[in-house]
Amino acid sequence: MSHILTRLDAVLPADLAHERGPTFGSRKKSPCMAQTLEGSLARLKKQMLIKELEEGYSAAREQGLALCKDFGDVDLEGWGERY
């Protein structure tokens, strides 16, 4: 986390704001909110990366299958003669 701080105003549902008290005790609101936001952002980034990887592998799969089909006849050429 950066050591440079920025002030933000946040509006939260009342029940969520009140629930923070018993959960985090006497901790100040800012560190609590920063930690929660960091965790949420990390999960969102991971979900986005997983989605990008799935899309990339899917596209590569289609290209790989097309290449196999194009070169299918020559892949096994000569195998019957040597083996």
PDB file of N, CA and C in Angstrom:
ATOM      1  N   MET A   1       0.838  -1.169   0.000  1.00  0.00           N
ATOM      2  CA  MET A   1       0.000   0.000   0.000  1.00  0.00           C
ATOM      3  C   MET A   1       0.887   1.237   0.000  1.00  0.00           C
ATOM      4  N   SER A   2       0.466   2.245  -0.749  1.00  0.00           N
ATOM      5  CA  SER A   2       1.205   3.490  -0.862  1.00  0.00           C
ATOM      6  C   SER A   2       1.177   4.258   0.456  1.00  0.00           C
ATOM      7  N   HIS A   3       2.227   5.024   0.698  1.00  0.00           N
ATOM      8  CA  HIS A   3       2.282   5.847   1.907  1.00  0.00           C
ATOM      9  C   HIS A   3       1.668   7.217   1.674  1.00  0.00           C
ATOM     10  N   ILE A   4       1.363   7.552   0.427  1.00  0.00           N
ATOM     11  CA  ILE A   4       0.694   8.810   0.125  1.00  0.00           C
ATOM     12  C   ILE A   4      -0.795   8.586   0.316  1.00  0.00           C
ATOM     13  N   LEU A   5      -1.425   9.432   1.099  1.00  0.00           N
ATOM     14  CA  LEU A   5      -2.836   9.255   1.431  1.00  0.00           C
ATOM     15  C   LEU A   5      -3.697  10.248   0.666  1.00  0.00           C
ATOM     16  N   THR A   6      -4.901   9.831   0.341  1.00  0.00           N
ATOM     17  CA  THR A   6      -5.884  10.674  -0.319  1.00  0.00           C
ATOM     18  C   THR A   6      -7.178  10.595   0.472  1.00  0.00           C
ATOM     19  N   ARG A   7      -7.775  11.717   0.719  1.00  0.00           N
ATOM     20  CA  ARG A   7      -9.029  11.750   1.462  1.00  0.00           C
ATOM     21  C   ARG A   7     -10.187  11.473   0.501  1.00  0.00           C
ATOM     22  N   LEU A   8     -11.067  10.572   0.909  1.00  0.00           N
ATOM     23  CA  LEU A   8     -12.263  10.235   0.144  1.00  0.00           C
ATOM     24  C   LEU A   8     -13.479  10.342   1.049  1.00  0.00           C
ATOM     25  N   ASP A   9     -14.579  10.739   0.471  1.00  0.00           N
ATOM     26  CA  ASP A   9     -15.848  10.689   1.187  1.00  0.00           C
ATOM     27  C   ASP A   9     -16.596   9.471   0.676  1.00  0.00           C
ATOM     28  N   ALA A  10     -17.153   8.700   1.592  1.00  0.00           N
ATOM     29  CA  ALA A  10     -17.868   7.487   1.201  1.00  0.00           C
ATOM     30  C   ALA A  10     -19.242   7.493   1.841  1.00  0.00           C
ATOM     31  N   VAL A  11     -20.210   7.037   1.099  1.00  0.00           N
ATOM     32  CA  VAL A  11     -21.572   6.885   1.610  1.00  0.00           C
ATOM     33  C   VAL A  11     -21.868   5.393   1.640  1.00  0.00           C
ATOM     34  N   LEU A  12     -22.189   4.879   2.831  1.00  0.00           N
ATOM     35  CA  LEU A  12     -22.449   3.458   3.016  1.00  0.00           C
ATOM     36  C   LEU A  12     -23.843   3.262   3.581  1.00  0.00           C
ATOM     37  N   PRO A  13     -24.441   2.107   3.322  1.00  0.00           N
ATOM     38  CA  PRO A  13     -25.700   1.799   3.988  1.00  0.00           C
ATOM     39  C   PRO A  13     -25.481   1.821   5.507  1.00  0.00           C
ATOM     40  N   ALA A  14     -26.456   2.331   6.238  1.00  0.00           N
ATOM     41  CA  ALA A  14     -26.330   2.508   7.685  1.00  0.00           C
ATOM     42  C   ALA A  14     -26.011   1.194   8.395  1.00  0.00           C
ATOM     43  N   ASP A  15     -26.695   0.116   7.999  1.00  0.00           N
ATOM     44  CA  ASP A  15     -26.438  -1.157   8.687  1.00  0.00           C
ATOM     45  C   ASP A  15     -25.014  -1.639   8.468  1.00  0.00           C
ATOM     46  N   LEU A  16     -24.469  -1.392   7.288  1.00  0.00           N
ATOM     47  CA  LEU A  16     -23.088  -1.778   7.021  1.00  0.00           C
ATOM     48  C   LEU A  16     -22.117  -0.926   7.844  1.00  0.00           C
ATOM     49  N   ALA A  17     -22.374   0.346   7.934  1.00  0.00           N
ATOM     50  CA  ALA A  17     -21.514   1.240   8.711  1.00  0.00           C
ATOM     51  C   ALA A  17     -21.543   0.871  10.190  1.00  0.00           C
ATOM     52  N   HIS A  18     -22.695   0.518  10.716  1.00  0.00           N
ATOM     53  CA  HIS A  18     -22.805   0.148  12.134  1.00  0.00           C
ATOM     54  C   HIS A  18     -22.195  -1.227  12.401  1.00  0.00           C
ATOM     55  N   GLU A  19     -22.253  -2.110  11.436  1.00  0.00           N
ATOM     56  CA  GLU A  19     -21.699  -3.455  11.606  1.00  0.00           C
ATOM     57  C   GLU A  19     -20.179  -3.418  11.724  1.00  0.00           C
ATOM     58  N   ARG A  20     -19.553  -2.421  11.139  1.00  0.00           N
ATOM     59  CA  ARG A  20     -18.100  -2.280  11.200  1.00  0.00           C
ATOM     60  C   ARG A  20     -17.609  -2.216  12.635  1.00  0.00           C
ATOM     61  N   GLY A  21     -18.339  -1.532  13.497  1.00  0.00           N
ATOM     62  CA  GLY A  21     -17.921  -1.336  14.883  1.00  0.00           C
ATOM     63  C   GLY A  21     -17.616  -2.617  15.625  1.00  0.00           C
ATOM     64  N   PRO A  22     -18.574  -3.515  15.777  1.00  0.00           N
ATOM     65  CA  PRO A  22     -18.309  -4.757  16.522  1.00  0.00           C
ATOM     66  C   PRO A  22     -17.280  -5.657  15.839  1.00  0.00           C
ATOM     67  N   THR A  23     -17.234  -5.608  14.521  1.00  0.00           N
ATOM     68  CA  THR A  23     -16.331  -6.492  13.787  1.00  0.00           C
ATOM     69  C   THR A  23     -14.879  -6.073  13.943  1.00  0.00           C
ATOM     70  N   PHE A  24     -14.615  -4.776  13.859  1.00  0.00           N
ATOM     71  CA  PHE A  24     -13.240  -4.288  13.877  1.00  0.00           C
ATOM     72  C   PHE A  24     -12.872  -3.581  15.171  1.00  0.00           C
ATOM     73  N   GLY A  25     -13.772  -3.534  16.108  1.00  0.00           N
ATOM     74  CA  GLY A  25     -13.471  -2.952  17.419  1.00  0.00           C
ATOM     75  C   GLY A  25     -13.114  -1.487  17.337  1.00  0.00           C
ATOM     76  N   SER A  26     -12.047  -1.120  18.025  1.00  0.00           N
ATOM     77  CA  SER A  26     -11.689   0.288  18.130  1.00  0.00           C
ATOM     78  C   SER A  26     -10.817   0.777  16.979  1.00  0.00           C
ATOM     79  N   ARG A  27     -10.584  -0.066  15.978  1.00  0.00           N
ATOM     80  CA  ARG A  27      -9.780   0.379  14.833  1.00  0.00           C
ATOM     81  C   ARG A  27     -10.441   1.563  14.162  1.00  0.00           C
ATOM     82  N   LYS A  28      -9.641   2.420  13.642  1.00  0.00           N
ATOM     83  CA  LYS A  28     -10.183   3.582  12.933  1.00  0.00           C
ATOM     84  C   LYS A  28     -10.810   3.128  11.623  1.00  0.00           C
ATOM     85  N   LYS A  29     -11.708   3.954  11.126  1.00  0.00           N
ATOM     86  CA  LYS A  29     -12.436   3.608   9.907  1.00  0.00           C
ATOM     87  C   LYS A  29     -11.534   3.525   8.680  1.00  0.00           C
ATOM     88  N   SER A  30     -10.597   4.432   8.546  1.00  0.00           N
ATOM     89  CA  SER A  30      -9.774   4.480   7.334  1.00  0.00           C
ATOM     90  C   SER A  30      -8.979   3.206   7.094  1.00  0.00           C
ATOM     91  N   PRO A  31      -8.221   2.703   8.073  1.00  0.00           N
ATOM     92  CA  PRO A  31      -7.485   1.451   7.818  1.00  0.00           C
ATOM     93  C   PRO A  31      -8.418   0.282   7.511  1.00  0.00           C
ATOM     94  N   CYS A  32      -9.551   0.240   8.180  1.00  0.00           N
ATOM     95  CA  CYS A  32     -10.521  -0.825   7.958  1.00  0.00           C
ATOM     96  C   CYS A  32     -11.034  -0.786   6.516  1.00  0.00           C
ATOM     97  N   MET A  33     -11.420   0.397   6.068  1.00  0.00           N
ATOM     98  CA  MET A  33     -11.949   0.535   4.708  1.00  0.00           C
ATOM     99  C   MET A  33     -10.858   0.283   3.671  1.00  0.00           C
ATOM    100  N   ALA A  34      -9.627   0.735   3.933  1.00  0.00           N
ATOM    101  CA  ALA A  34      -8.528   0.516   2.996  1.00  0.00           C
ATOM    102  C   ALA A  34      -8.245  -0.977   2.838  1.00  0.00           C
ATOM    103  N   GLN A  35      -8.217  -1.703   3.953  1.00  0.00           N
ATOM    104  CA  GLN A  35      -7.954  -3.147   3.907  1.00  0.00           C
ATOM    105  C   GLN A  35      -9.067  -3.870   3.151  1.00  0.00           C
ATOM    106  N   THR A  36     -10.293  -3.495   3.409  1.00  0.00           N
ATOM    107  CA  THR A  36     -11.426  -4.121   2.731  1.00  0.00           C
ATOM    108  C   THR A  36     -11.398  -3.837   1.235  1.00  0.00           C
ATOM    109  N   LEU A  37     -11.105  -2.593   0.874  1.00  0.00           N
ATOM    110  CA  LEU A  37     -11.046  -2.215  -0.540  1.00  0.00           C
ATOM    111  C   LEU A  37      -9.899  -2.937  -1.245  1.00  0.00           C
ATOM    112  N   GLU A  38      -8.756  -3.049  -0.590  1.00  0.00           N
ATOM    113  CA  GLU A  38      -7.634  -3.784  -1.176  1.00  0.00           C
ATOM    114  C   GLU A  38      -8.001  -5.231  -1.465  1.00  0.00           C
ATOM    115  N   GLY A  39      -8.676  -5.869  -0.523  1.00  0.00           N
ATOM    116  CA  GLY A  39      -9.093  -7.253  -0.731  1.00  0.00           C
ATOM    117  C   GLY A  39     -10.074  -7.395  -1.873  1.00  0.00           C
ATOM    118  N   SER A  40     -11.030  -6.476  -1.939  1.00  0.00           N
ATOM    119  CA  SER A  40     -12.023  -6.523  -3.019  1.00  0.00           C
ATOM    120  C   SER A  40     -11.370  -6.298  -4.376  1.00  0.00           C
ATOM    121  N   LEU A  41     -10.469  -5.326  -4.446  1.00  0.00           N
ATOM    122  CA  LEU A  41      -9.785  -5.056  -5.713  1.00  0.00           C
ATOM    123  C   LEU A  41      -8.925  -6.236  -6.140  1.00  0.00           C
ATOM    124  N   ALA A  42      -8.260  -6.870  -5.196  1.00  0.00           N
ATOM    125  CA  ALA A  42      -7.437  -8.042  -5.531  1.00  0.00           C
ATOM    126  C   ALA A  42      -8.305  -9.164  -6.101  1.00  0.00           C
ATOM    127  N   ARG A  43      -9.474  -9.395  -5.494  1.00  0.00           N
ATOM    128  CA  ARG A  43     -10.382 -10.437  -6.011  1.00  0.00           C
ATOM    129  C   ARG A  43     -10.891 -10.079  -7.401  1.00  0.00           C
ATOM    130  N   LEU A  44     -11.248  -8.815  -7.626  1.00  0.00           N
ATOM    131  CA  LEU A  44     -11.733  -8.397  -8.943  1.00  0.00           C
ATOM    132  C   LEU A  44     -10.645  -8.548 -10.002  1.00  0.00           C
ATOM    133  N   LYS A  45      -9.417  -8.149  -9.672  1.00  0.00           N
ATOM    134  CA  LYS A  45      -8.312  -8.283 -10.625  1.00  0.00           C
ATOM    135  C   LYS A  45      -8.070  -9.749 -10.962  1.00  0.00           C
ATOM    136  N   LYS A  46      -8.149 -10.619  -9.968  1.00  0.00           N
ATOM    137  CA  LYS A  46      -7.949 -12.049 -10.197  1.00  0.00           C
ATOM    138  C   LYS A  46      -9.054 -12.595 -11.102  1.00  0.00           C
ATOM    139  N   GLN A  47     -10.297 -12.193 -10.859  1.00  0.00           N
ATOM    140  CA  GLN A  47     -11.407 -12.643 -11.696  1.00  0.00           C
ATOM    141  C   GLN A  47     -11.223 -12.170 -13.138  1.00  0.00           C
ATOM    142  N   MET A  48     -10.772 -10.920 -13.313  1.00  0.00           N
ATOM    143  CA  MET A  48     -10.550 -10.386 -14.659  1.00  0.00           C
ATOM    144  C   MET A  48      -9.427 -11.144 -15.362  1.00  0.00           C
ATOM    145  N   LEU A  49      -8.355 -11.452 -14.635  1.00  0.00           N
ATOM    146  CA  LEU A  49      -7.243 -12.196 -15.215  1.00  0.00           C
ATOM    147  C   LEU A  49      -7.676 -13.595 -15.631  1.00  0.00           C
ATOM    148  N   ILE A  50      -8.444 -14.260 -14.780  1.00  0.00           N
ATOM    149  CA  ILE A  50      -8.941 -15.592 -15.106  1.00  0.00           C
ATOM    150  C   ILE A  50      -9.788 -15.550 -16.376  1.00  0.00           C
ATOM    151  N   LYS A  51     -10.645 -14.537 -16.479  1.00  0.00           N
ATOM    152  CA  LYS A  51     -11.495 -14.409 -17.667  1.00  0.00           C
ATOM    153  C   LYS A  51     -10.649 -14.185 -18.917  1.00  0.00           C
ATOM    154  N   GLU A  52      -9.631 -13.320 -18.819  1.00  0.00           N
ATOM    155  CA  GLU A  52      -8.751 -13.067 -19.957  1.00  0.00           C
ATOM    156  C   GLU A  52      -7.994 -14.330 -20.356  1.00  0.00           C
ATOM    157  N   LEU A  53      -7.503 -15.080 -19.371  1.00  0.00           N
ATOM    158  CA  LEU A  53      -6.787 -16.318 -19.675  1.00  0.00           C
ATOM    159  C   LEU A  53      -7.699 -17.342 -20.326  1.00  0.00           C
ATOM    160  N   GLU A  54      -8.928 -17.460 -19.831  1.00  0.00           N
ATOM    161  CA  GLU A  54      -9.874 -18.407 -20.420  1.00  0.00           C
ATOM    162  C   GLU A  54     -10.161 -18.040 -21.870  1.00  0.00           C
ATOM    163  N   GLU A  55     -10.353 -16.743 -22.131  1.00  0.00           N
ATOM    164  CA  GLU A  55     -10.618 -16.302 -23.503  1.00  0.00           C
ATOM    165  C   GLU A  55      -9.408 -16.549 -24.399  1.00  0.00           C
ATOM    166  N   GLY A  56      -8.208 -16.285 -23.869  1.00  0.00           N
ATOM    167  CA  GLY A  56      -6.991 -16.497 -24.646  1.00  0.00           C
ATOM    168  C   GLY A  56      -6.763 -17.961 -24.962  1.00  0.00           C
ATOM    169  N   TYR A  57      -6.926 -18.818 -23.962  1.00  0.00           N
ATOM    170  CA  TYR A  57      -6.751 -20.256 -24.194  1.00  0.00           C
ATOM    171  C   TYR A  57      -7.812 -20.797 -25.147  1.00  0.00           C
ATOM    172  N   SER A  58      -9.021 -20.267 -25.060  1.00  0.00           N
ATOM    173  CA  SER A  58     -10.076 -20.703 -25.965  1.00  0.00           C
ATOM    174  C   SER A  58      -9.726 -20.347 -27.406  1.00  0.00           C
ATOM    175  N   ALA A  59      -9.233 -19.130 -27.610  1.00  0.00           N
ATOM    176  CA  ALA A  59      -8.838 -18.715 -28.961  1.00  0.00           C
ATOM    177  C   ALA A  59      -7.661 -19.549 -29.453  1.00  0.00           C
ATOM    178  N   ALA A  60      -6.685 -19.796 -28.593  1.00  0.00           N
ATOM    179  CA  ALA A  60      -5.524 -20.594 -28.985  1.00  0.00           C
ATOM    180  C   ALA A  60      -5.940 -22.028 -29.290  1.00  0.00           C
ATOM    181  N   ARG A  61      -6.924 -22.529 -28.558  1.00  0.00           N
ATOM    182  CA  ARG A  61      -7.410 -23.892 -28.794  1.00  0.00           C
ATOM    183  C   ARG A  61      -7.974 -24.011 -30.199  1.00  0.00           C
ATOM    184  N   GLU A  62      -8.779 -23.026 -30.578  1.00  0.00           N
ATOM    185  CA  GLU A  62      -9.380 -23.060 -31.913  1.00  0.00           C
ATOM    186  C   GLU A  62      -8.302 -22.985 -32.989  1.00  0.00           C
ATOM    187  N   GLN A  63      -7.297 -22.151 -32.780  1.00  0.00           N
ATOM    188  CA  GLN A  63      -6.201 -22.054 -33.748  1.00  0.00           C
ATOM    189  C   GLN A  63      -5.426 -23.364 -33.811  1.00  0.00           C
ATOM    190  N   GLY A  64      -5.179 -23.966 -32.652  1.00  0.00           N
ATOM    191  CA  GLY A  64      -4.453 -25.237 -32.606  1.00  0.00           C
ATOM    192  C   GLY A  64      -5.197 -26.349 -33.312  1.00  0.00           C
ATOM    193  N   LEU A  65      -6.507 -26.407 -33.092  1.00  0.00           N
ATOM    194  CA  LEU A  65      -7.311 -27.431 -33.765  1.00  0.00           C
ATOM    195  C   LEU A  65      -7.314 -27.222 -35.274  1.00  0.00           C
ATOM    196  N   ALA A  66      -7.374 -25.972 -35.700  1.00  0.00           N
ATOM    197  CA  ALA A  66      -7.346 -25.681 -37.134  1.00  0.00           C
ATOM    198  C   ALA A  66      -6.013 -26.100 -37.742  1.00  0.00           C
ATOM    199  N   LEU A  67      -4.911 -25.836 -37.031  1.00  0.00           N
ATOM    200  CA  LEU A  67      -3.591 -26.254 -37.530  1.00  0.00           C
ATOM    201  C   LEU A  67      -3.485 -27.772 -37.604  1.00  0.00           C
ATOM    202  N   CYS A  68      -3.990 -28.460 -36.609  1.00  0.00           N
ATOM    203  CA  CYS A  68      -3.965 -29.931 -36.623  1.00  0.00           C
ATOM    204  C   CYS A  68      -4.739 -30.472 -37.812  1.00  0.00           C
ATOM    205  N   LYS A  69      -5.860 -29.837 -38.087  1.00  0.00           N
ATOM    206  CA  LYS A  69      -6.673 -30.278 -39.217  1.00  0.00           C
ATOM    207  C   LYS A  69      -5.937 -30.023 -40.538  1.00  0.00           C
ATOM    208  N   ASP A  70      -5.310 -28.852 -40.647  1.00  0.00           N
ATOM    209  CA  ASP A  70      -4.585 -28.509 -41.877  1.00  0.00           C
ATOM    210  C   ASP A  70      -3.412 -29.443 -42.133  1.00  0.00           C
ATOM    211  N   PHE A  71      -2.722 -29.860 -41.073  1.00  0.00           N
ATOM    212  CA  PHE A  71      -1.522 -30.676 -41.233  1.00  0.00           C
ATOM    213  C   PHE A  71      -1.744 -32.136 -40.839  1.00  0.00           C
ATOM    214  N   GLY A  72      -2.990 -32.520 -40.652  1.00  0.00           N
ATOM    215  CA  GLY A  72      -3.298 -33.874 -40.219  1.00  0.00           C
ATOM    216  C   GLY A  72      -2.755 -34.955 -41.141  1.00  0.00           C
ATOM    217  N   ASP A  73      -2.813 -34.710 -42.433  1.00  0.00           N
ATOM    218  CA  ASP A  73      -2.358 -35.720 -43.388  1.00  0.00           C
ATOM    219  C   ASP A  73      -0.849 -35.920 -43.344  1.00  0.00           C
ATOM    220  N   VAL A  74      -0.093 -34.887 -43.095  1.00  0.00           N
ATOM    221  CA  VAL A  74       1.366 -35.016 -43.120  1.00  0.00           C
ATOM    222  C   VAL A  74       1.942 -35.360 -41.747  1.00  0.00           C
ATOM    223  N   ASP A  75       1.173 -35.219 -40.693  1.00  0.00           N
ATOM    224  CA  ASP A  75       1.673 -35.533 -39.351  1.00  0.00           C
ATOM    225  C   ASP A  75       2.127 -36.983 -39.232  1.00  0.00           C
ATOM    226  N   LEU A  76       1.398 -37.893 -39.809  1.00  0.00           N
ATOM    227  CA  LEU A  76       1.710 -39.312 -39.683  1.00  0.00           C
ATOM    228  C   LEU A  76       2.359 -39.877 -40.932  1.00  0.00           C
ATOM    229  N   GLU A  77       2.730 -38.999 -41.830  1.00  0.00           N
ATOM    230  CA  GLU A  77       3.346 -39.433 -43.089  1.00  0.00           C
ATOM    231  C   GLU A  77       4.647 -40.183 -42.812  1.00  0.00           C
ATOM    232  N   GLY A  78       4.768 -41.360 -43.336  1.00  0.00           N
ATOM    233  CA  GLY A  78       5.978 -42.160 -43.188  1.00  0.00           C
ATOM    234  C   GLY A  78       6.022 -43.016 -41.937  1.00  0.00           C
ATOM    235  N   TRP A  79       5.090 -42.893 -41.040  1.00  0.00           N
ATOM    236  CA  TRP A  79       5.103 -43.680 -39.808  1.00  0.00           C
ATOM    237  C   TRP A  79       4.913 -45.166 -40.088  1.00  0.00           C
ATOM    238  N   GLY A  80       4.043 -45.471 -41.029  1.00  0.00           N
ATOM    239  CA  GLY A  80       3.779 -46.867 -41.334  1.00  0.00           C
ATOM    240  C   GLY A  80       4.999 -47.585 -41.890  1.00  0.00           C
ATOM    241  N   GLU A  81       5.864 -46.833 -42.536  1.00  0.00           N
ATOM    242  CA  GLU A  81       7.045 -47.417 -43.155  1.00  0.00           C
ATOM    243  C   GLU A  81       8.129 -47.722 -42.120  1.00  0.00           C
ATOM    244  N   ARG A  82       8.267 -46.868 -41.105  1.00  0.00           N
ATOM    245  CA  ARG A  82       9.356 -47.034 -40.139  1.00  0.00           C
ATOM    246  C   ARG A  82       8.921 -47.801 -38.895  1.00  0.00           C
ATOM    247  N   TYR A  83       7.685 -47.774 -38.529  1.00  0.00           N
ATOM    248  CA  TYR A  83       7.239 -48.390 -37.283  1.00  0.00           C
ATOM    249  C   TYR A  83       6.241 -49.472 -37.490  1.00  0.00           C
TER     250      TYR A  83
END
